[in-house]
Structures are given as structure tokens and as C-alpha cells.
């Protein structure tokens, strides 16, 4: 019987060792996961900021183009009306 108890104690110690190893591995993976999340969020924020700036520039250019087109259209219309009068 003593041998059986010793075998169980040995197995229990082996399981505790495996558990400690897995716990340490899990902690390492969780830390790596947090670091990767932070890196991904930083990259995403940078990309979104760049895209927002680009959209703002395009919108500004579109409004300028629309205003210039409207002014050119008004000028052309004025020329046509002047010629008719």
C-alpha cells in the first residue's frame, strides 16, 4: 500500500509541476496578447487619423472645385445675358 500512495504523491507532484508550467505560459501569452492589442490599436488609430486627414483634404478640394465651378457657371451665364442685351 505504501508504494501506491507514493505513486499517487509522485503523480500529484508531476501534475502540480505541469500546472505551474501552464500557469506561467498562460500569463506570458496574456501579456503578449495585451502587447499585441496595444500595437494593433496604435496602428489602427494612426491609419484612421491618416484617412480622416485625407478625407478632409478631399472634401475641401471638392468644395473648392464646386465653388469654382459655380462661379465659372455664373460668369458664363452673365456673359451670355450681356450678349443678349
PDB file of N, CA and C in Angstrom:
ATOM      1  N   UNK A   1       0.812  -1.196   0.000  1.00  0.00           N
ATOM      2  CA  UNK A   1       0.000   0.000   0.000  1.00  0.00           C
ATOM      3  C   UNK A   1       0.850   1.251   0.000  1.00  0.00           C
ATOM      4  N   UNK A   2       1.948   1.260   0.734  1.00  0.00           N
ATOM      5  CA  UNK A   2       2.802   2.436   0.799  1.00  0.00           C
ATOM      6  C   UNK A   2       3.301   2.836  -0.559  1.00  0.00           C
ATOM      7  N   UNK A   3       3.575   1.835  -1.428  1.00  0.00           N
ATOM      8  CA  UNK A   3       4.048   2.125  -2.776  1.00  0.00           C
ATOM      9  C   UNK A   3       2.993   2.819  -3.595  1.00  0.00           C
ATOM     10  N   UNK A   4       1.736   2.431  -3.396  1.00  0.00           N
ATOM     11  CA  UNK A   4       0.649   3.058  -4.137  1.00  0.00           C
ATOM     12  C   UNK A   4       0.486   4.521  -3.759  1.00  0.00           C
ATOM     13  N   UNK A   5       0.604   4.809  -2.478  1.00  0.00           N
ATOM     14  CA  UNK A   5       0.480   6.190  -2.004  1.00  0.00           C
ATOM     15  C   UNK A   5       1.625   7.018  -2.553  1.00  0.00           C
ATOM     16  N   UNK A   6       2.803   6.440  -2.553  1.00  0.00           N
ATOM     17  CA  UNK A   6       3.963   7.162  -3.091  1.00  0.00           C
ATOM     18  C   UNK A   6       3.782   7.455  -4.579  1.00  0.00           C
ATOM     19  N   UNK A   7       3.196   6.511  -5.306  1.00  0.00           N
ATOM     20  CA  UNK A   7       2.965   6.716  -6.739  1.00  0.00           C
ATOM     21  C   UNK A   7       1.970   7.859  -6.945  1.00  0.00           C
ATOM     22  N   UNK A   8       0.921   7.878  -6.131  1.00  0.00           N
ATOM     23  CA  UNK A   8      -0.059   8.968  -6.245  1.00  0.00           C
ATOM     24  C   UNK A   8       0.566  10.311  -5.893  1.00  0.00           C
ATOM     25  N   UNK A   9       1.387  10.325  -4.845  1.00  0.00           N
ATOM     26  CA  UNK A   9       2.070  11.563  -4.459  1.00  0.00           C
ATOM     27  C   UNK A   9       2.987  12.035  -5.584  1.00  0.00           C
ATOM     28  N   UNK A  10       3.662  11.092  -6.208  1.00  0.00           N
ATOM     29  CA  UNK A  10       4.552  11.429  -7.319  1.00  0.00           C
ATOM     30  C   UNK A  10       3.754  12.004  -8.489  1.00  0.00           C
ATOM     31  N   UNK A  11       2.624  11.365  -8.789  1.00  0.00           N
ATOM     32  CA  UNK A  11       1.771  11.870  -9.873  1.00  0.00           C
ATOM     33  C   UNK A  11       1.215  13.247  -9.531  1.00  0.00           C
ATOM     34  N   UNK A  12       0.842  13.437  -8.262  1.00  0.00           N
ATOM     35  CA  UNK A  12       0.315  14.729  -7.832  1.00  0.00           C
ATOM     36  C   UNK A  12       1.377  15.814  -7.991  1.00  0.00           C
ATOM     37  N   UNK A  13       2.587  15.526  -7.620  1.00  0.00           N
ATOM     38  CA  UNK A  13       3.679  16.494  -7.782  1.00  0.00           C
ATOM     39  C   UNK A  13       3.933  16.795  -9.257  1.00  0.00           C
ATOM     40  N   UNK A  14       3.859  15.754 -10.094  1.00  0.00           N
ATOM     41  CA  UNK A  14       4.048  15.959 -11.531  1.00  0.00           C
ATOM     42  C   UNK A  14       2.937  16.853 -12.080  1.00  0.00           C
ATOM     43  N   UNK A  15       1.704  16.610 -11.651  1.00  0.00           N
ATOM     44  CA  UNK A  15       0.583  17.434 -12.097  1.00  0.00           C
ATOM     45  C   UNK A  15       0.716  18.871 -11.604  1.00  0.00           C
ATOM     46  N   UNK A  16       1.182  19.046 -10.392  1.00  0.00           N
ATOM     47  CA  UNK A  16       1.402  20.403  -9.871  1.00  0.00           C
ATOM     48  C   UNK A  16       2.471  21.122 -10.685  1.00  0.00           C
ATOM     49  N   UNK A  17       3.489  20.398 -11.070  1.00  0.00           N
ATOM     50  CA  UNK A  17       4.553  20.986 -11.889  1.00  0.00           C
ATOM     51  C   UNK A  17       4.020  21.396 -13.261  1.00  0.00           C
ATOM     52  N   UNK A  18       3.225  20.501 -13.861  1.00  0.00           N
ATOM     53  CA  UNK A  18       2.620  20.820 -15.165  1.00  0.00           C
ATOM     54  C   UNK A  18       1.694  22.022 -15.016  1.00  0.00           C
ATOM     55  N   UNK A  19       0.919  22.054 -13.941  1.00  0.00           N
ATOM     56  CA  UNK A  19       0.010  23.173 -13.701  1.00  0.00           C
ATOM     57  C   UNK A  19       0.784  24.484 -13.572  1.00  0.00           C
ATOM     58  N   UNK A  20       1.884  24.463 -12.848  1.00  0.00           N
ATOM     59  CA  UNK A  20       2.699  25.671 -12.688  1.00  0.00           C
ATOM     60  C   UNK A  20       3.261  26.118 -14.035  1.00  0.00           C
ATOM     61  N   UNK A  21       3.703  25.155 -14.839  1.00  0.00           N
ATOM     62  CA  UNK A  21       4.231  25.478 -16.168  1.00  0.00           C
ATOM     63  C   UNK A  21       3.146  26.097 -17.042  1.00  0.00           C
ATOM     64  N   UNK A  22       1.968  25.486 -17.030  1.00  0.00           N
ATOM     65  CA  UNK A  22       0.861  26.010 -17.836  1.00  0.00           C
ATOM     66  C   UNK A  22       0.396  27.379 -17.342  1.00  0.00           C
ATOM     67  N   UNK A  23       0.402  27.579 -16.040  1.00  0.00           N
ATOM     68  CA  UNK A  23       0.018  28.875 -15.479  1.00  0.00           C
ATOM     69  C   UNK A  23       0.996  29.958 -15.924  1.00  0.00           C
ATOM     70  N   UNK A  24       2.282  29.638 -15.884  1.00  0.00           N
ATOM     71  CA  UNK A  24       3.295  30.599 -16.335  1.00  0.00           C
ATOM     72  C   UNK A  24       3.149  30.878 -17.829  1.00  0.00           C
ATOM     73  N   UNK A  25       2.894  29.838 -18.609  1.00  0.00           N
ATOM     74  CA  UNK A  25       2.710  30.004 -20.053  1.00  0.00           C
ATOM     75  C   UNK A  25       1.485  30.868 -20.340  1.00  0.00           C
ATOM     76  N   UNK A  26       0.402  30.625 -19.622  1.00  0.00           N
ATOM     77  CA  UNK A  26      -0.808  31.420 -19.805  1.00  0.00           C
ATOM     78  C   UNK A  26      -0.539  32.887 -19.480  1.00  0.00           C
ATOM     79  N   UNK A  27       0.173  33.142 -18.407  1.00  0.00           N
ATOM     80  CA  UNK A  27       0.495  34.526 -18.038  1.00  0.00           C
ATOM     81  C   UNK A  27       1.323  35.191 -19.131  1.00  0.00           C
ATOM     82  N   UNK A  28       2.289  34.450 -19.685  1.00  0.00           N
ATOM     83  CA  UNK A  28       3.120  35.000 -20.763  1.00  0.00           C
ATOM     84  C   UNK A  28       2.279  35.298 -22.002  1.00  0.00           C
ATOM     85  N   UNK A  29       1.394  34.376 -22.356  1.00  0.00           N
ATOM     86  CA  UNK A  29       0.542  34.575 -23.529  1.00  0.00           C
ATOM     87  C   UNK A  29      -0.424  35.740 -23.332  1.00  0.00           C
ATOM     88  N   UNK A  30      -0.941  35.887 -22.124  1.00  0.00           N
ATOM     89  CA  UNK A  30      -1.832  37.016 -21.850  1.00  0.00           C
ATOM     90  C   UNK A  30      -1.078  38.336 -21.976  1.00  0.00           C
ATOM     91  N   UNK A  31       0.155  38.371 -21.494  1.00  0.00           N
ATOM     92  CA  UNK A  31       0.966  39.589 -21.615  1.00  0.00           C
ATOM     93  C   UNK A  31       1.267  39.892 -23.080  1.00  0.00           C
ATOM     94  N   UNK A  32       1.613  38.868 -23.847  1.00  0.00           N
ATOM     95  CA  UNK A  32       1.870  39.062 -25.280  1.00  0.00           C
ATOM     96  C   UNK A  32       0.604  39.538 -25.986  1.00  0.00           C
ATOM     97  N   UNK A  33      -0.535  38.971 -25.606  1.00  0.00           N
ATOM     98  CA  UNK A  33      -1.808  39.367 -26.197  1.00  0.00           C
ATOM     99  C   UNK A  33      -2.090  40.845 -25.931  1.00  0.00           C
ATOM    100  N   UNK A  34      -1.867  41.288 -24.708  1.00  0.00           N
ATOM    101  CA  UNK A  34      -2.086  42.697 -24.371  1.00  0.00           C
ATOM    102  C   UNK A  34      -1.152  43.602 -25.174  1.00  0.00           C
ATOM    103  N   UNK A  35       0.100  43.182 -25.318  1.00  0.00           N
ATOM    104  CA  UNK A  35       1.057  43.982 -26.094  1.00  0.00           C
ATOM    105  C   UNK A  35       0.634  44.060 -27.556  1.00  0.00           C
ATOM    106  N   UNK A  36       0.181  42.941 -28.102  1.00  0.00           N
ATOM    107  CA  UNK A  36      -0.269  42.935 -29.497  1.00  0.00           C
ATOM    108  C   UNK A  36      -1.525  43.778 -29.682  1.00  0.00           C
ATOM    109  N   UNK A  37      -2.428  43.737 -28.711  1.00  0.00           N
ATOM    110  CA  UNK A  37      -3.627  44.576 -28.785  1.00  0.00           C
ATOM    111  C   UNK A  37      -3.242  46.053 -28.800  1.00  0.00           C
ATOM    112  N   UNK A  38      -2.310  46.425 -27.936  1.00  0.00           N
ATOM    113  CA  UNK A  38      -1.867  47.819 -27.884  1.00  0.00           C
ATOM    114  C   UNK A  38      -1.225  48.230 -29.205  1.00  0.00           C
ATOM    115  N   UNK A  39      -0.412  47.347 -29.764  1.00  0.00           N
ATOM    116  CA  UNK A  39       0.243  47.624 -31.044  1.00  0.00           C
ATOM    117  C   UNK A  39      -0.799  47.761 -32.158  1.00  0.00           C
ATOM    118  N   UNK A  40      -1.771  46.873 -32.173  1.00  0.00           N
ATOM    119  CA  UNK A  40      -2.828  46.922 -33.188  1.00  0.00           C
ATOM    120  C   UNK A  40      -3.662  48.192 -33.051  1.00  0.00           C
ATOM    121  N   UNK A  41      -4.006  48.556 -31.824  1.00  0.00           N
ATOM    122  CA  UNK A  41      -4.779  49.778 -31.603  1.00  0.00           C
ATOM    123  C   UNK A  41      -4.006  51.009 -32.050  1.00  0.00           C
ATOM    124  N   UNK A  42      -2.706  51.042 -31.782  1.00  0.00           N
ATOM    125  CA  UNK A  42      -1.891  52.181 -32.213  1.00  0.00           C
ATOM    126  C   UNK A  42      -1.863  52.270 -33.734  1.00  0.00           C
ATOM    127  N   UNK A  43      -1.694  51.137 -34.393  1.00  0.00           N
ATOM    128  CA  UNK A  43      -1.674  51.129 -35.862  1.00  0.00           C
ATOM    129  C   UNK A  43      -3.031  51.539 -36.419  1.00  0.00           C
ATOM    130  N   UNK A  44      -4.098  51.054 -35.810  1.00  0.00           N
ATOM    131  CA  UNK A  44      -5.448  51.407 -36.258  1.00  0.00           C
ATOM    132  C   UNK A  44      -5.707  52.898 -36.084  1.00  0.00           C
ATOM    133  N   UNK A  45      -5.334  53.436 -34.927  1.00  0.00           N
ATOM    134  CA  UNK A  45      -5.534  54.863 -34.684  1.00  0.00           C
ATOM    135  C   UNK A  45      -4.748  55.712 -35.672  1.00  0.00           C
ATOM    136  N   UNK A  46      -3.531  55.295 -35.987  1.00  0.00           N
ATOM    137  CA  UNK A  46      -2.713  56.032 -36.956  1.00  0.00           C
ATOM    138  C   UNK A  46      -3.379  56.001 -38.329  1.00  0.00           C
ATOM    139  N   UNK A  47      -3.834  54.820 -38.737  1.00  0.00           N
ATOM    140  CA  UNK A  47      -4.483  54.680 -40.046  1.00  0.00           C
ATOM    141  C   UNK A  47      -5.755  55.517 -40.111  1.00  0.00           C
ATOM    142  N   UNK A  48      -6.562  55.459 -39.064  1.00  0.00           N
ATOM    143  CA  UNK A  48      -7.803  56.238 -39.044  1.00  0.00           C
ATOM    144  C   UNK A  48      -7.518  57.732 -39.090  1.00  0.00           C
ATOM    145  N   UNK A  49      -6.492  58.161 -38.384  1.00  0.00           N
ATOM    146  CA  UNK A  49      -6.125  59.573 -38.397  1.00  0.00           C
ATOM    147  C   UNK A  49      -5.684  60.008 -39.790  1.00  0.00           C
ATOM    148  N   UNK A  50      -4.868  59.168 -40.434  1.00  0.00           N
ATOM    149  CA  UNK A  50      -4.415  59.482 -41.792  1.00  0.00           C
ATOM    150  C   UNK A  50      -5.592  59.531 -42.759  1.00  0.00           C
ATOM    151  N   UNK A  51      -6.514  58.595 -42.633  1.00  0.00           N
ATOM    152  CA  UNK A  51      -7.671  58.566 -43.529  1.00  0.00           C
ATOM    153  C   UNK A  51      -8.590  59.762 -43.283  1.00  0.00           C
ATOM    154  N   UNK A  52      -8.743  60.160 -42.032  1.00  0.00           N
ATOM    155  CA  UNK A  52      -9.567  61.327 -41.723  1.00  0.00           C
ATOM    156  C   UNK A  52      -8.951  62.582 -42.333  1.00  0.00           C
ATOM    157  N   UNK A  53      -7.631  62.702 -42.245  1.00  0.00           N
ATOM    158  CA  UNK A  53      -6.951  63.853 -42.846  1.00  0.00           C
ATOM    159  C   UNK A  53      -7.122  63.854 -44.353  1.00  0.00           C
ATOM    160  N   UNK A  54      -6.992  62.681 -44.960  1.00  0.00           N
ATOM    161  CA  UNK A  54      -7.149  62.582 -46.412  1.00  0.00           C
ATOM    162  C   UNK A  54      -8.579  62.927 -46.822  1.00  0.00           C
ATOM    163  N   UNK A  55      -9.553  62.435 -46.076  1.00  0.00           N
ATOM    164  CA  UNK A  55     -10.953  62.733 -46.374  1.00  0.00           C
ATOM    165  C   UNK A  55     -11.222  64.228 -46.246  1.00  0.00           C
ATOM    166  N   UNK A  56     -10.647  64.828 -45.223  1.00  0.00           N
ATOM    167  CA  UNK A  56     -10.817  66.273 -45.035  1.00  0.00           C
ATOM    168  C   UNK A  56     -10.228  67.045 -46.216  1.00  0.00           C
ATOM    169  N   UNK A  57      -9.051  66.632 -46.667  1.00  0.00           N
ATOM    170  CA  UNK A  57      -8.419  67.299 -47.812  1.00  0.00           C
ATOM    171  C   UNK A  57      -9.263  67.120 -49.073  1.00  0.00           C
ATOM    172  N   UNK A  58      -9.758  65.922 -49.295  1.00  0.00           N
ATOM    173  CA  UNK A  58     -10.590  65.670 -50.482  1.00  0.00           C
ATOM    174  C   UNK A  58     -11.890  66.471 -50.415  1.00  0.00           C
ATOM    175  N   UNK A  59     -12.481  66.520 -49.225  1.00  0.00           N
ATOM    176  CA  UNK A  59     -13.726  67.274 -49.062  1.00  0.00           C
ATOM    177  C   UNK A  59     -13.484  68.753 -49.337  1.00  0.00           C
ATOM    178  N   UNK A  60     -12.383  69.265 -48.802  1.00  0.00           N
ATOM    179  CA  UNK A  60     -12.041  70.667 -49.033  1.00  0.00           C
ATOM    180  C   UNK A  60     -11.847  70.928 -50.523  1.00  0.00           C
ATOM    181  N   UNK A  61     -11.116  70.045 -51.192  1.00  0.00           N
ATOM    182  CA  UNK A  61     -10.879  70.195 -52.629  1.00  0.00           C
ATOM    183  C   UNK A  61     -12.189  70.124 -53.410  1.00  0.00           C
ATOM    184  N   UNK A  62     -13.084  69.257 -52.981  1.00  0.00           N
ATOM    185  CA  UNK A  62     -14.384  69.138 -53.652  1.00  0.00           C
ATOM    186  C   UNK A  62     -15.191  70.420 -53.501  1.00  0.00           C
ATOM    187  N   UNK A  63     -15.209  70.976 -52.294  1.00  0.00           N
ATOM    188  CA  UNK A  63     -15.948  72.225 -52.077  1.00  0.00           C
ATOM    189  C   UNK A  63     -15.336  73.370 -52.880  1.00  0.00           C
ATOM    190  N   UNK A  64     -14.014  73.420 -52.904  1.00  0.00           N
ATOM    191  CA  UNK A  64     -13.346  74.468 -53.689  1.00  0.00           C
ATOM    192  C   UNK A  64     -13.688  74.302 -55.161  1.00  0.00           C
ATOM    193  N   UNK A  65     -13.644  73.062 -55.639  1.00  0.00           N
ATOM    194  CA  UNK A  65     -13.992  72.796 -57.035  1.00  0.00           C
ATOM    195  C   UNK A  65     -15.435  73.151 -57.335  1.00  0.00           C
ATOM    196  N   UNK A  66     -16.323  72.820 -56.407  1.00  0.00           N
ATOM    197  CA  UNK A  66     -17.738  73.141 -56.608  1.00  0.00           C
ATOM    198  C   UNK A  66     -17.950  74.647 -56.628  1.00  0.00           C
ATOM    199  N   UNK A  67     -17.276  75.346 -55.724  1.00  0.00           N
ATOM    200  CA  UNK A  67     -17.407  76.808 -55.688  1.00  0.00           C
ATOM    201  C   UNK A  67     -16.842  77.427 -56.957  1.00  0.00           C
ATOM    202  N   UNK A  68     -15.698  76.919 -57.404  1.00  0.00           N
ATOM    203  CA  UNK A  68     -15.098  77.435 -58.638  1.00  0.00           C
ATOM    204  C   UNK A  68     -16.004  77.143 -59.828  1.00  0.00           C
ATOM    205  N   UNK A  69     -16.577  75.957 -59.857  1.00  0.00           N
ATOM    206  CA  UNK A  69     -17.492  75.602 -60.940  1.00  0.00           C
ATOM    207  C   UNK A  69     -18.730  76.474 -60.940  1.00  0.00           C
ATOM    208  N   UNK A  70     -19.249  76.735 -59.748  1.00  0.00           N
ATOM    209  CA  UNK A  70     -20.423  77.605 -59.633  1.00  0.00           C
ATOM    210  C   UNK A  70     -20.086  79.015 -60.093  1.00  0.00           C
ATOM    211  N   UNK A  71     -18.930  79.513 -59.675  1.00  0.00           N
ATOM    212  CA  UNK A  71     -18.509  80.859 -60.080  1.00  0.00           C
ATOM    213  C   UNK A  71     -18.307  80.924 -61.590  1.00  0.00           C
ATOM    214  N   UNK A  72     -17.685  79.899 -62.152  1.00  0.00           N
ATOM    215  CA  UNK A  72     -17.468  79.871 -63.605  1.00  0.00           C
ATOM    216  C   UNK A  72     -18.802  79.807 -64.338  1.00  0.00           C
ATOM    217  N   UNK A  73     -19.719  79.015 -63.821  1.00  0.00           N
ATOM    218  CA  UNK A  73     -21.045  78.930 -64.433  1.00  0.00           C
ATOM    219  C   UNK A  73     -21.785  80.255 -64.367  1.00  0.00           C
ATOM    220  N   UNK A  74     -21.682  80.920 -63.227  1.00  0.00           N
ATOM    221  CA  UNK A  74     -22.335  82.225 -63.075  1.00  0.00           C
ATOM    222  C   UNK A  74     -21.718  83.244 -64.021  1.00  0.00           C
ATOM    223  N   UNK A  75     -20.392  83.211 -64.148  1.00  0.00           N
ATOM    224  CA  UNK A  75     -19.712  84.144 -65.056  1.00  0.00           C
ATOM    225  C   UNK A  75     -20.119  83.879 -66.498  1.00  0.00           C
ATOM    226  N   UNK A  76     -20.184  82.616 -66.868  1.00  0.00           N
ATOM    227  CA  UNK A  76     -20.582  82.280 -68.242  1.00  0.00           C
ATOM    228  C   UNK A  76     -22.023  82.707 -68.502  1.00  0.00           C
ATOM    229  N   UNK A  77     -22.871  82.498 -67.513  1.00  0.00           N
ATOM    230  CA  UNK A  77     -24.270  82.917 -67.661  1.00  0.00           C
ATOM    231  C   UNK A  77     -24.364  84.432 -67.804  1.00  0.00           C
ATOM    232  N   UNK A  78     -23.575  85.149 -67.020  1.00  0.00           N
ATOM    233  CA  UNK A  78     -23.579  86.613 -67.101  1.00  0.00           C
ATOM    234  C   UNK A  78     -23.126  87.073 -68.475  1.00  0.00           C
ATOM    235  N   UNK A  79     -22.106  86.413 -69.021  1.00  0.00           N
ATOM    236  CA  UNK A  79     -21.619  86.769 -70.360  1.00  0.00           C
ATOM    237  C   UNK A  79     -22.723  86.534 -71.385  1.00  0.00           C
ATOM    238  N   UNK A  80     -23.404  85.423 -71.271  1.00  0.00           N
ATOM    239  CA  UNK A  80     -24.479  85.112 -72.220  1.00  0.00           C
ATOM    240  C   UNK A  80     -25.586  86.151 -72.120  1.00  0.00           C
ATOM    241  N   UNK A  81     -25.984  86.520 -70.898  1.00  0.00           N
ATOM    242  CA  UNK A  81     -27.046  87.512 -70.732  1.00  0.00           C
ATOM    243  C   UNK A  81     -26.620  88.882 -71.238  1.00  0.00           C
ATOM    244  N   UNK A  82     -25.352  89.235 -71.036  1.00  0.00           N
ATOM    245  CA  UNK A  82     -24.861  90.525 -71.525  1.00  0.00           C
ATOM    246  C   UNK A  82     -24.914  90.582 -73.041  1.00  0.00           C
ATOM    247  N   UNK A  83     -24.562  89.480 -73.659  1.00  0.00           N
ATOM    248  CA  UNK A  83     -24.567  89.441 -75.124  1.00  0.00           C
ATOM    249  C   UNK A  83     -25.989  89.554 -75.667  1.00  0.00           C
ATOM    250  N   UNK A  84     -26.935  89.037 -74.911  1.00  0.00           N
ATOM    251  CA  UNK A  84     -28.321  89.082 -75.366  1.00  0.00           C
ATOM    252  C   UNK A  84     -28.912  90.477 -75.201  1.00  0.00           C
ATOM    253  N   UNK A  85     -28.390  91.233 -74.295  1.00  0.00           N
ATOM    254  CA  UNK A  85     -28.967  92.549 -74.038  1.00  0.00           C
ATOM    255  C   UNK A  85     -28.335  93.574 -74.867  1.00  0.00           C
TER     256      UNK A  85
END
